[in-house]
């Protein structure tokens, strides 16, 4: 059996300009199936802008993004909408949690299962056997997903009433409902305490194996990043200033100066 890695995503020289301001310049990335990669850098470096281009919210001014979809086809995704990208295997979470707060946990997941609906509007209107069977299947899938996250007892709770850490879990759970090949996590540990972050590290590693998904994440918590990521890209002022293994990034003088700070090495040795 060949050990050659399978390329999942290739980002080639993408740029984006807002009103004459170049927010991201010549960004390149090759992401292979099964990897867990971190994108780090100071606030305003362009990390979320990169995610917005990868997920279809922004269209690159120039450059190309190619992705191997669920059927194994290579697609140029530059002009695809977020919904189109979700259908072919790209899902994401957001730095600011985006749940339907006034809906139940179950309904938040079922909404995310829209790609698996196989009935038409007539079936829904007349509640045909096809409609009822598909609805039962989606509820069962919601139960299975929540059980993996140990949240099955919260299935009927309003999303807005969940503790913050569980809202984060629900958002990740909802992203996984579409059965993505690529999961983009935008600051998943934001607002979490130390114990919650530790649990999140274990959860992300588990998700990667359990769902056979490739993960690209943005995160400021260096303990999490250094603890689970296989390699890192560092962005500053819209440009990649370093890439490599976590150990290499920790000792990179340019990264320390631009992002980690002079106290990072001292804290690491303490």
C-alpha atoms as a PDB file:
ATOM      1  CA  UNK A   1       0.000   0.000   0.000  1.00  0.00           C
ATOM      2  CA  UNK A   2       1.305   3.441  -0.912  1.00  0.00           C
ATOM      3  CA  UNK A   3       2.058   5.906   1.884  1.00  0.00           C
ATOM      4  CA  UNK A   4       1.598   8.856  -0.461  1.00  0.00           C
ATOM      5  CA  UNK A   5      -0.661  11.478   1.052  1.00  0.00           C
ATOM      6  CA  UNK A   6      -3.863  12.487  -0.741  1.00  0.00           C
ATOM      7  CA  UNK A   7      -4.150  16.180  -1.541  1.00  0.00           C
ATOM      8  CA  UNK A   8      -7.536  17.526  -0.431  1.00  0.00           C
ATOM      9  CA  UNK A   9      -7.224  21.311  -0.786  1.00  0.00           C
ATOM     10  CA  UNK A  10      -4.824  23.482  -2.762  1.00  0.00           C
ATOM     11  CA  UNK A  11      -4.819  27.245  -2.345  1.00  0.00           C
ATOM     12  CA  UNK A  12      -2.656  28.953  -4.928  1.00  0.00           C
ATOM     13  CA  UNK A  13      -1.641  32.622  -4.702  1.00  0.00           C
ATOM     14  CA  UNK A  14      -5.001  33.924  -3.470  1.00  0.00           C
ATOM     15  CA  UNK A  15      -5.338  37.655  -2.843  1.00  0.00           C
ATOM     16  CA  UNK A  16      -8.255  39.761  -1.726  1.00  0.00           C
ATOM     17  CA  UNK A  17      -8.580  43.539  -1.907  1.00  0.00           C
ATOM     18  CA  UNK A  18     -11.147  45.649  -0.061  1.00  0.00           C
ATOM     19  CA  UNK A  19     -11.402  49.232  -1.312  1.00  0.00           C
ATOM     20  CA  UNK A  20      -7.784  49.328  -2.382  1.00  0.00           C
ATOM     21  CA  UNK A  21      -6.527  47.617   0.801  1.00  0.00           C
ATOM     22  CA  UNK A  22      -4.940  44.196   0.210  1.00  0.00           C
ATOM     23  CA  UNK A  23      -6.146  42.140   3.167  1.00  0.00           C
ATOM     24  CA  UNK A  24      -4.515  38.842   2.131  1.00  0.00           C
ATOM     25  CA  UNK A  25      -1.533  38.593  -0.205  1.00  0.00           C
ATOM     26  CA  UNK A  26      -0.301  35.545  -2.134  1.00  0.00           C
ATOM     27  CA  UNK A  27      -1.656  33.006   0.343  1.00  0.00           C
ATOM     28  CA  UNK A  28      -0.697  29.405  -0.464  1.00  0.00           C
ATOM     29  CA  UNK A  29      -1.703  26.180   1.239  1.00  0.00           C
ATOM     30  CA  UNK A  30      -1.673  22.474   0.474  1.00  0.00           C
ATOM     31  CA  UNK A  31      -3.830  20.457   2.838  1.00  0.00           C
ATOM     32  CA  UNK A  32      -3.733  16.677   2.784  1.00  0.00           C
ATOM     33  CA  UNK A  33      -6.460  14.226   3.767  1.00  0.00           C
ATOM     34  CA  UNK A  34      -6.522  13.547   7.492  1.00  0.00           C
ATOM     35  CA  UNK A  35      -4.311  16.462   8.540  1.00  0.00           C
ATOM     36  CA  UNK A  36      -4.940  18.778  11.488  1.00  0.00           C
ATOM     37  CA  UNK A  37      -3.359  22.129  10.686  1.00  0.00           C
ATOM     38  CA  UNK A  38      -3.323  25.416  12.583  1.00  0.00           C
ATOM     39  CA  UNK A  39      -3.463  28.938  11.151  1.00  0.00           C
ATOM     40  CA  UNK A  40      -2.185  31.435  13.711  1.00  0.00           C
ATOM     41  CA  UNK A  41      -1.179  35.085  13.890  1.00  0.00           C
ATOM     42  CA  UNK A  42      -2.037  38.371  15.618  1.00  0.00           C
ATOM     43  CA  UNK A  43      -5.484  39.943  15.509  1.00  0.00           C
ATOM     44  CA  UNK A  44      -6.112  41.565  12.145  1.00  0.00           C
ATOM     45  CA  UNK A  45      -3.589  39.351  10.362  1.00  0.00           C
ATOM     46  CA  UNK A  46      -6.207  38.082   7.888  1.00  0.00           C
ATOM     47  CA  UNK A  47      -6.900  34.615   9.314  1.00  0.00           C
ATOM     48  CA  UNK A  48     -10.697  34.839   9.300  1.00  0.00           C
ATOM     49  CA  UNK A  49     -10.559  36.502   5.873  1.00  0.00           C
ATOM     50  CA  UNK A  50      -8.776  33.376   4.609  1.00  0.00           C
ATOM     51  CA  UNK A  51     -11.505  31.211   6.167  1.00  0.00           C
ATOM     52  CA  UNK A  52     -14.171  33.383   4.554  1.00  0.00           C
ATOM     53  CA  UNK A  53     -12.590  32.754   1.149  1.00  0.00           C
ATOM     54  CA  UNK A  54     -12.249  29.024   1.759  1.00  0.00           C
ATOM     55  CA  UNK A  55     -15.903  28.787   2.824  1.00  0.00           C
ATOM     56  CA  UNK A  56     -17.333  30.954   0.019  1.00  0.00           C
ATOM     57  CA  UNK A  57     -18.302  34.032   2.016  1.00  0.00           C
ATOM     58  CA  UNK A  58     -15.664  36.130   0.223  1.00  0.00           C
ATOM     59  CA  UNK A  59     -14.492  35.651  -3.364  1.00  0.00           C
ATOM     60  CA  UNK A  60     -10.723  35.999  -3.924  1.00  0.00           C
ATOM     61  CA  UNK A  61      -9.675  38.938  -6.073  1.00  0.00           C
ATOM     62  CA  UNK A  62      -7.142  36.632  -7.715  1.00  0.00           C
ATOM     63  CA  UNK A  63      -5.667  33.155  -7.309  1.00  0.00           C
ATOM     64  CA  UNK A  64      -7.317  29.729  -7.265  1.00  0.00           C
ATOM     65  CA  UNK A  65      -8.756  27.357  -4.695  1.00  0.00           C
ATOM     66  CA  UNK A  66      -9.205  23.696  -5.685  1.00  0.00           C
ATOM     67  CA  UNK A  67     -10.887  21.056  -3.549  1.00  0.00           C
ATOM     68  CA  UNK A  68     -11.445  17.306  -3.938  1.00  0.00           C
ATOM     69  CA  UNK A  69     -15.183  16.888  -3.324  1.00  0.00           C
ATOM     70  CA  UNK A  70     -17.137  14.028  -1.750  1.00  0.00           C
ATOM     71  CA  UNK A  71     -17.192  12.188  -5.074  1.00  0.00           C
ATOM     72  CA  UNK A  72     -13.448  12.514  -5.588  1.00  0.00           C
ATOM     73  CA  UNK A  73     -13.811  15.213  -8.244  1.00  0.00           C
ATOM     74  CA  UNK A  74     -11.431  18.183  -8.317  1.00  0.00           C
ATOM     75  CA  UNK A  75     -13.409  21.417  -8.218  1.00  0.00           C
ATOM     76  CA  UNK A  76     -12.355  25.045  -8.510  1.00  0.00           C
ATOM     77  CA  UNK A  77     -14.265  26.655  -5.667  1.00  0.00           C
ATOM     78  CA  UNK A  78     -13.437  30.369  -6.093  1.00  0.00           C
ATOM     79  CA  UNK A  79     -16.963  31.353  -7.134  1.00  0.00           C
ATOM     80  CA  UNK A  80     -19.016  28.798  -5.214  1.00  0.00           C
ATOM     81  CA  UNK A  81     -21.447  29.904  -2.531  1.00  0.00           C
ATOM     82  CA  UNK A  82     -21.220  28.687   1.085  1.00  0.00           C
ATOM     83  CA  UNK A  83     -24.199  26.367   0.450  1.00  0.00           C
ATOM     84  CA  UNK A  84     -22.556  24.882  -2.640  1.00  0.00           C
ATOM     85  CA  UNK A  85     -19.307  24.334  -0.759  1.00  0.00           C
ATOM     86  CA  UNK A  86     -21.170  22.715   2.110  1.00  0.00           C
ATOM     87  CA  UNK A  87     -22.784  20.258  -0.286  1.00  0.00           C
ATOM     88  CA  UNK A  88     -19.431  19.161  -1.720  1.00  0.00           C
ATOM     89  CA  UNK A  89     -17.786  18.717   1.667  1.00  0.00           C
ATOM     90  CA  UNK A  90     -16.682  21.987   3.349  1.00  0.00           C
ATOM     91  CA  UNK A  91     -18.115  22.956   6.748  1.00  0.00           C
ATOM     92  CA  UNK A  92     -17.094  25.617   9.242  1.00  0.00           C
ATOM     93  CA  UNK A  93     -17.735  27.135  12.627  1.00  0.00           C
ATOM     94  CA  UNK A  94     -17.412  30.814  13.519  1.00  0.00           C
ATOM     95  CA  UNK A  95     -15.493  32.796  16.112  1.00  0.00           C
ATOM     96  CA  UNK A  96     -18.815  34.221  17.317  1.00  0.00           C
ATOM     97  CA  UNK A  97     -21.163  31.308  17.857  1.00  0.00           C
ATOM     98  CA  UNK A  98     -23.965  31.244  15.263  1.00  0.00           C
ATOM     99  CA  UNK A  99     -26.713  29.031  16.593  1.00  0.00           C
ATOM    100  CA  UNK A 100     -30.479  29.384  16.306  1.00  0.00           C
ATOM    101  CA  UNK A 101     -30.853  30.311  19.959  1.00  0.00           C
ATOM    102  CA  UNK A 102     -34.643  30.082  20.084  1.00  0.00           C
ATOM    103  CA  UNK A 103     -34.702  26.611  18.541  1.00  0.00           C
ATOM    104  CA  UNK A 104     -33.985  23.324  20.284  1.00  0.00           C
ATOM    105  CA  UNK A 105     -30.659  21.542  20.132  1.00  0.00           C
ATOM    106  CA  UNK A 106     -32.297  18.898  17.949  1.00  0.00           C
ATOM    107  CA  UNK A 107     -33.694  21.438  15.488  1.00  0.00           C
ATOM    108  CA  UNK A 108     -30.318  23.180  15.189  1.00  0.00           C
ATOM    109  CA  UNK A 109     -28.827  19.907  13.967  1.00  0.00           C
ATOM    110  CA  UNK A 110     -31.763  18.953  11.745  1.00  0.00           C
ATOM    111  CA  UNK A 111     -31.481  22.299   9.943  1.00  0.00           C
ATOM    112  CA  UNK A 112     -27.856  21.405   9.208  1.00  0.00           C
ATOM    113  CA  UNK A 113     -28.995  18.078   7.720  1.00  0.00           C
ATOM    114  CA  UNK A 114     -30.642  19.816   4.758  1.00  0.00           C
ATOM    115  CA  UNK A 115     -28.277  18.109   2.315  1.00  0.00           C
ATOM    116  CA  UNK A 116     -29.649  14.711   3.329  1.00  0.00           C
ATOM    117  CA  UNK A 117     -33.293  15.564   2.676  1.00  0.00           C
ATOM    118  CA  UNK A 118     -34.698  13.378  -0.111  1.00  0.00           C
ATOM    119  CA  UNK A 119     -38.302  14.567  -0.193  1.00  0.00           C
ATOM    120  CA  UNK A 120     -39.837  17.375  -2.253  1.00  0.00           C
ATOM    121  CA  UNK A 121     -42.175  20.219  -1.192  1.00  0.00           C
ATOM    122  CA  UNK A 122     -45.247  18.142  -2.068  1.00  0.00           C
ATOM    123  CA  UNK A 123     -44.082  15.360   0.281  1.00  0.00           C
ATOM    124  CA  UNK A 124     -43.624  17.941   3.033  1.00  0.00           C
ATOM    125  CA  UNK A 125     -47.019  19.548   2.388  1.00  0.00           C
ATOM    126  CA  UNK A 126     -48.937  16.272   2.560  1.00  0.00           C
ATOM    127  CA  UNK A 127     -46.599  14.593   5.063  1.00  0.00           C
ATOM    128  CA  UNK A 128     -46.219  11.524   2.877  1.00  0.00           C
ATOM    129  CA  UNK A 129     -44.592   8.286   4.115  1.00  0.00           C
ATOM    130  CA  UNK A 130     -41.409   9.373   2.312  1.00  0.00           C
ATOM    131  CA  UNK A 131     -41.418  12.636   4.262  1.00  0.00           C
ATOM    132  CA  UNK A 132     -42.054  10.936   7.622  1.00  0.00           C
ATOM    133  CA  UNK A 133     -39.348   8.331   7.034  1.00  0.00           C
ATOM    134  CA  UNK A 134     -36.780  10.982   6.122  1.00  0.00           C
ATOM    135  CA  UNK A 135     -37.691  13.064   9.164  1.00  0.00           C
ATOM    136  CA  UNK A 136     -37.249  10.019  11.433  1.00  0.00           C
ATOM    137  CA  UNK A 137     -33.862   9.340   9.861  1.00  0.00           C
ATOM    138  CA  UNK A 138     -32.698  12.899  10.528  1.00  0.00           C
ATOM    139  CA  UNK A 139     -33.858  12.779  14.159  1.00  0.00           C
ATOM    140  CA  UNK A 140     -31.996   9.497  14.624  1.00  0.00           C
ATOM    141  CA  UNK A 141     -28.865  11.048  13.153  1.00  0.00           C
ATOM    142  CA  UNK A 142     -29.199  14.036  15.478  1.00  0.00           C
ATOM    143  CA  UNK A 143     -29.408  11.634  18.431  1.00  0.00           C
ATOM    144  CA  UNK A 144     -26.287   9.772  17.272  1.00  0.00           C
ATOM    145  CA  UNK A 145     -24.287  12.968  16.851  1.00  0.00           C
ATOM    146  CA  UNK A 146     -25.324  14.306  20.246  1.00  0.00           C
ATOM    147  CA  UNK A 147     -24.485  11.002  21.942  1.00  0.00           C
ATOM    148  CA  UNK A 148     -20.940  11.241  20.577  1.00  0.00           C
ATOM    149  CA  UNK A 149     -20.677  14.678  22.203  1.00  0.00           C
ATOM    150  CA  UNK A 150     -22.349  13.397  25.411  1.00  0.00           C
ATOM    151  CA  UNK A 151     -25.184  15.874  24.917  1.00  0.00           C
ATOM    152  CA  UNK A 152     -28.083  13.541  24.142  1.00  0.00           C
ATOM    153  CA  UNK A 153     -29.813  14.616  27.359  1.00  0.00           C
ATOM    154  CA  UNK A 154     -29.899  18.201  26.034  1.00  0.00           C
ATOM    155  CA  UNK A 155     -31.665  17.386  22.771  1.00  0.00           C
ATOM    156  CA  UNK A 156     -34.873  19.264  23.616  1.00  0.00           C
ATOM    157  CA  UNK A 157     -33.259  22.246  25.345  1.00  0.00           C
ATOM    158  CA  UNK A 158     -33.204  25.652  23.722  1.00  0.00           C
ATOM    159  CA  UNK A 159     -29.779  26.307  22.254  1.00  0.00           C
ATOM    160  CA  UNK A 160     -29.526  29.704  23.972  1.00  0.00           C
ATOM    161  CA  UNK A 161     -29.901  28.049  27.390  1.00  0.00           C
ATOM    162  CA  UNK A 162     -26.846  25.815  27.005  1.00  0.00           C
ATOM    163  CA  UNK A 163     -23.643  26.694  28.874  1.00  0.00           C
ATOM    164  CA  UNK A 164     -21.074  28.396  26.662  1.00  0.00           C
ATOM    165  CA  UNK A 165     -18.881  25.311  26.274  1.00  0.00           C
ATOM    166  CA  UNK A 166     -21.842  23.209  25.179  1.00  0.00           C
ATOM    167  CA  UNK A 167     -22.899  25.860  22.671  1.00  0.00           C
ATOM    168  CA  UNK A 168     -19.441  25.491  21.141  1.00  0.00           C
ATOM    169  CA  UNK A 169     -19.880  21.727  21.034  1.00  0.00           C
ATOM    170  CA  UNK A 170     -23.299  22.108  19.420  1.00  0.00           C
ATOM    171  CA  UNK A 171     -21.882  24.358  16.720  1.00  0.00           C
ATOM    172  CA  UNK A 172     -19.196  21.772  15.915  1.00  0.00           C
ATOM    173  CA  UNK A 173     -21.811  19.014  16.043  1.00  0.00           C
ATOM    174  CA  UNK A 174     -23.981  20.944  13.593  1.00  0.00           C
ATOM    175  CA  UNK A 175     -21.032  21.424  11.224  1.00  0.00           C
ATOM    176  CA  UNK A 176     -20.361  17.674  11.282  1.00  0.00           C
ATOM    177  CA  UNK A 177     -23.996  16.911  10.425  1.00  0.00           C
ATOM    178  CA  UNK A 178     -23.276  17.681   6.765  1.00  0.00           C
ATOM    179  CA  UNK A 179     -20.587  14.966   6.738  1.00  0.00           C
ATOM    180  CA  UNK A 180     -17.774  17.265   5.597  1.00  0.00           C
ATOM    181  CA  UNK A 181     -14.399  16.233   4.260  1.00  0.00           C
ATOM    182  CA  UNK A 182     -12.907  19.525   5.460  1.00  0.00           C
ATOM    183  CA  UNK A 183     -13.833  21.176   8.757  1.00  0.00           C
ATOM    184  CA  UNK A 184     -12.808  24.803   9.350  1.00  0.00           C
ATOM    185  CA  UNK A 185     -12.783  25.749  13.045  1.00  0.00           C
ATOM    186  CA  UNK A 186     -12.546  29.484  13.729  1.00  0.00           C
ATOM    187  CA  UNK A 187     -11.227  30.026  17.276  1.00  0.00           C
ATOM    188  CA  UNK A 188     -13.086  27.072  18.842  1.00  0.00           C
ATOM    189  CA  UNK A 189     -11.573  27.757  22.282  1.00  0.00           C
ATOM    190  CA  UNK A 190     -12.610  31.430  22.384  1.00  0.00           C
ATOM    191  CA  UNK A 191     -14.222  32.226  25.727  1.00  0.00           C
ATOM    192  CA  UNK A 192     -13.419  28.842  27.275  1.00  0.00           C
ATOM    193  CA  UNK A 193     -11.693  28.275  30.601  1.00  0.00           C
ATOM    194  CA  UNK A 194      -8.699  25.994  31.053  1.00  0.00           C
ATOM    195  CA  UNK A 195     -10.700  22.851  31.744  1.00  0.00           C
ATOM    196  CA  UNK A 196     -13.027  23.451  28.800  1.00  0.00           C
ATOM    197  CA  UNK A 197     -10.041  24.039  26.517  1.00  0.00           C
ATOM    198  CA  UNK A 198      -8.460  20.771  27.671  1.00  0.00           C
ATOM    199  CA  UNK A 199     -11.701  18.936  26.891  1.00  0.00           C
ATOM    200  CA  UNK A 200     -11.867  20.670  23.512  1.00  0.00           C
ATOM    201  CA  UNK A 201      -8.363  19.485  22.615  1.00  0.00           C
ATOM    202  CA  UNK A 202      -9.420  15.905  23.255  1.00  0.00           C
ATOM    203  CA  UNK A 203     -12.670  16.439  21.378  1.00  0.00           C
ATOM    204  CA  UNK A 204     -10.987  17.824  18.248  1.00  0.00           C
ATOM    205  CA  UNK A 205      -8.544  14.912  18.156  1.00  0.00           C
ATOM    206  CA  UNK A 206     -11.458  12.504  18.597  1.00  0.00           C
ATOM    207  CA  UNK A 207     -13.513  14.170  15.846  1.00  0.00           C
ATOM    208  CA  UNK A 208     -10.640  13.908  13.410  1.00  0.00           C
ATOM    209  CA  UNK A 209     -10.428  10.128  13.871  1.00  0.00           C
ATOM    210  CA  UNK A 210     -14.106   9.323  14.413  1.00  0.00           C
ATOM    211  CA  UNK A 211     -15.364  11.316  11.421  1.00  0.00           C
ATOM    212  CA  UNK A 212     -12.323  10.833   9.170  1.00  0.00           C
ATOM    213  CA  UNK A 213     -12.264  14.576   8.614  1.00  0.00           C
ATOM    214  CA  UNK A 214      -9.451  16.974   7.765  1.00  0.00           C
ATOM    215  CA  UNK A 215      -9.268  19.990  10.078  1.00  0.00           C
ATOM    216  CA  UNK A 216      -7.915  23.505   9.594  1.00  0.00           C
ATOM    217  CA  UNK A 217      -8.264  25.702  12.657  1.00  0.00           C
ATOM    218  CA  UNK A 218      -7.627  29.271  13.738  1.00  0.00           C
ATOM    219  CA  UNK A 219      -6.739  29.606  17.391  1.00  0.00           C
ATOM    220  CA  UNK A 220      -4.958  31.955  19.802  1.00  0.00           C
ATOM    221  CA  UNK A 221      -4.617  29.434  22.628  1.00  0.00           C
ATOM    222  CA  UNK A 222      -1.046  28.266  22.109  1.00  0.00           C
ATOM    223  CA  UNK A 223      -1.416  25.288  24.435  1.00  0.00           C
ATOM    224  CA  UNK A 224      -4.193  23.946  22.246  1.00  0.00           C
ATOM    225  CA  UNK A 225      -2.417  24.774  18.985  1.00  0.00           C
ATOM    226  CA  UNK A 226       0.920  23.295  19.996  1.00  0.00           C
ATOM    227  CA  UNK A 227      -0.771  20.300  21.593  1.00  0.00           C
ATOM    228  CA  UNK A 228      -2.813  19.002  18.654  1.00  0.00           C
ATOM    229  CA  UNK A 229      -1.678  20.580  15.368  1.00  0.00           C
ATOM    230  CA  UNK A 230       0.720  18.694  13.106  1.00  0.00           C
ATOM    231  CA  UNK A 231       1.973  21.819  11.379  1.00  0.00           C
ATOM    232  CA  UNK A 232       1.311  25.533  11.522  1.00  0.00           C
ATOM    233  CA  UNK A 233       1.048  28.505   9.206  1.00  0.00           C
ATOM    234  CA  UNK A 234       1.660  31.957  10.661  1.00  0.00           C
ATOM    235  CA  UNK A 235      -0.034  34.943   9.071  1.00  0.00           C
ATOM    236  CA  UNK A 236       0.888  38.595   9.641  1.00  0.00           C
ATOM    237  CA  UNK A 237      -0.463  41.595   7.725  1.00  0.00           C
ATOM    238  CA  UNK A 238      -2.104  39.195   5.272  1.00  0.00           C
ATOM    239  CA  UNK A 239       1.089  37.310   4.405  1.00  0.00           C
ATOM    240  CA  UNK A 240       2.473  33.967   5.518  1.00  0.00           C
ATOM    241  CA  UNK A 241       5.648  34.683   7.486  1.00  0.00           C
ATOM    242  CA  UNK A 242       6.390  31.104   8.562  1.00  0.00           C
ATOM    243  CA  UNK A 243       5.184  27.534   8.206  1.00  0.00           C
ATOM    244  CA  UNK A 244       6.373  24.289   9.696  1.00  0.00           C
ATOM    245  CA  UNK A 245       6.187  21.956  12.663  1.00  0.00           C
ATOM    246  CA  UNK A 246       5.007  23.414  15.984  1.00  0.00           C
ATOM    247  CA  UNK A 247       8.505  23.106  17.469  1.00  0.00           C
ATOM    248  CA  UNK A 248       9.936  25.046  14.534  1.00  0.00           C
ATOM    249  CA  UNK A 249       7.333  27.790  14.828  1.00  0.00           C
ATOM    250  CA  UNK A 250       7.914  28.190  18.573  1.00  0.00           C
ATOM    251  CA  UNK A 251      11.571  29.016  18.000  1.00  0.00           C
ATOM    252  CA  UNK A 252      11.123  31.136  14.856  1.00  0.00           C
ATOM    253  CA  UNK A 253      12.446  34.611  15.666  1.00  0.00           C
ATOM    254  CA  UNK A 254      10.139  36.376  13.201  1.00  0.00           C
ATOM    255  CA  UNK A 255       7.094  34.645  14.684  1.00  0.00           C
ATOM    256  CA  UNK A 256       8.167  35.473  18.230  1.00  0.00           C
ATOM    257  CA  UNK A 257       8.629  39.121  17.269  1.00  0.00           C
ATOM    258  CA  UNK A 258       5.362  39.418  15.311  1.00  0.00           C
ATOM    259  CA  UNK A 259       3.066  37.291  17.426  1.00  0.00           C
ATOM    260  CA  UNK A 260       4.269  35.159  20.314  1.00  0.00           C
ATOM    261  CA  UNK A 261       6.187  37.933  22.073  1.00  0.00           C
ATOM    262  CA  UNK A 262       9.525  37.910  23.859  1.00  0.00           C
ATOM    263  CA  UNK A 263       7.938  36.486  26.999  1.00  0.00           C
ATOM    264  CA  UNK A 264       6.751  33.343  25.232  1.00  0.00           C
ATOM    265  CA  UNK A 265      10.111  31.563  25.280  1.00  0.00           C
ATOM    266  CA  UNK A 266      10.617  32.479  28.938  1.00  0.00           C
ATOM    267  CA  UNK A 267       7.144  31.237  29.890  1.00  0.00           C
ATOM    268  CA  UNK A 268       7.747  28.007  27.964  1.00  0.00           C
ATOM    269  CA  UNK A 269      10.966  27.357  29.894  1.00  0.00           C
ATOM    270  CA  UNK A 270       9.490  28.252  33.277  1.00  0.00           C
END
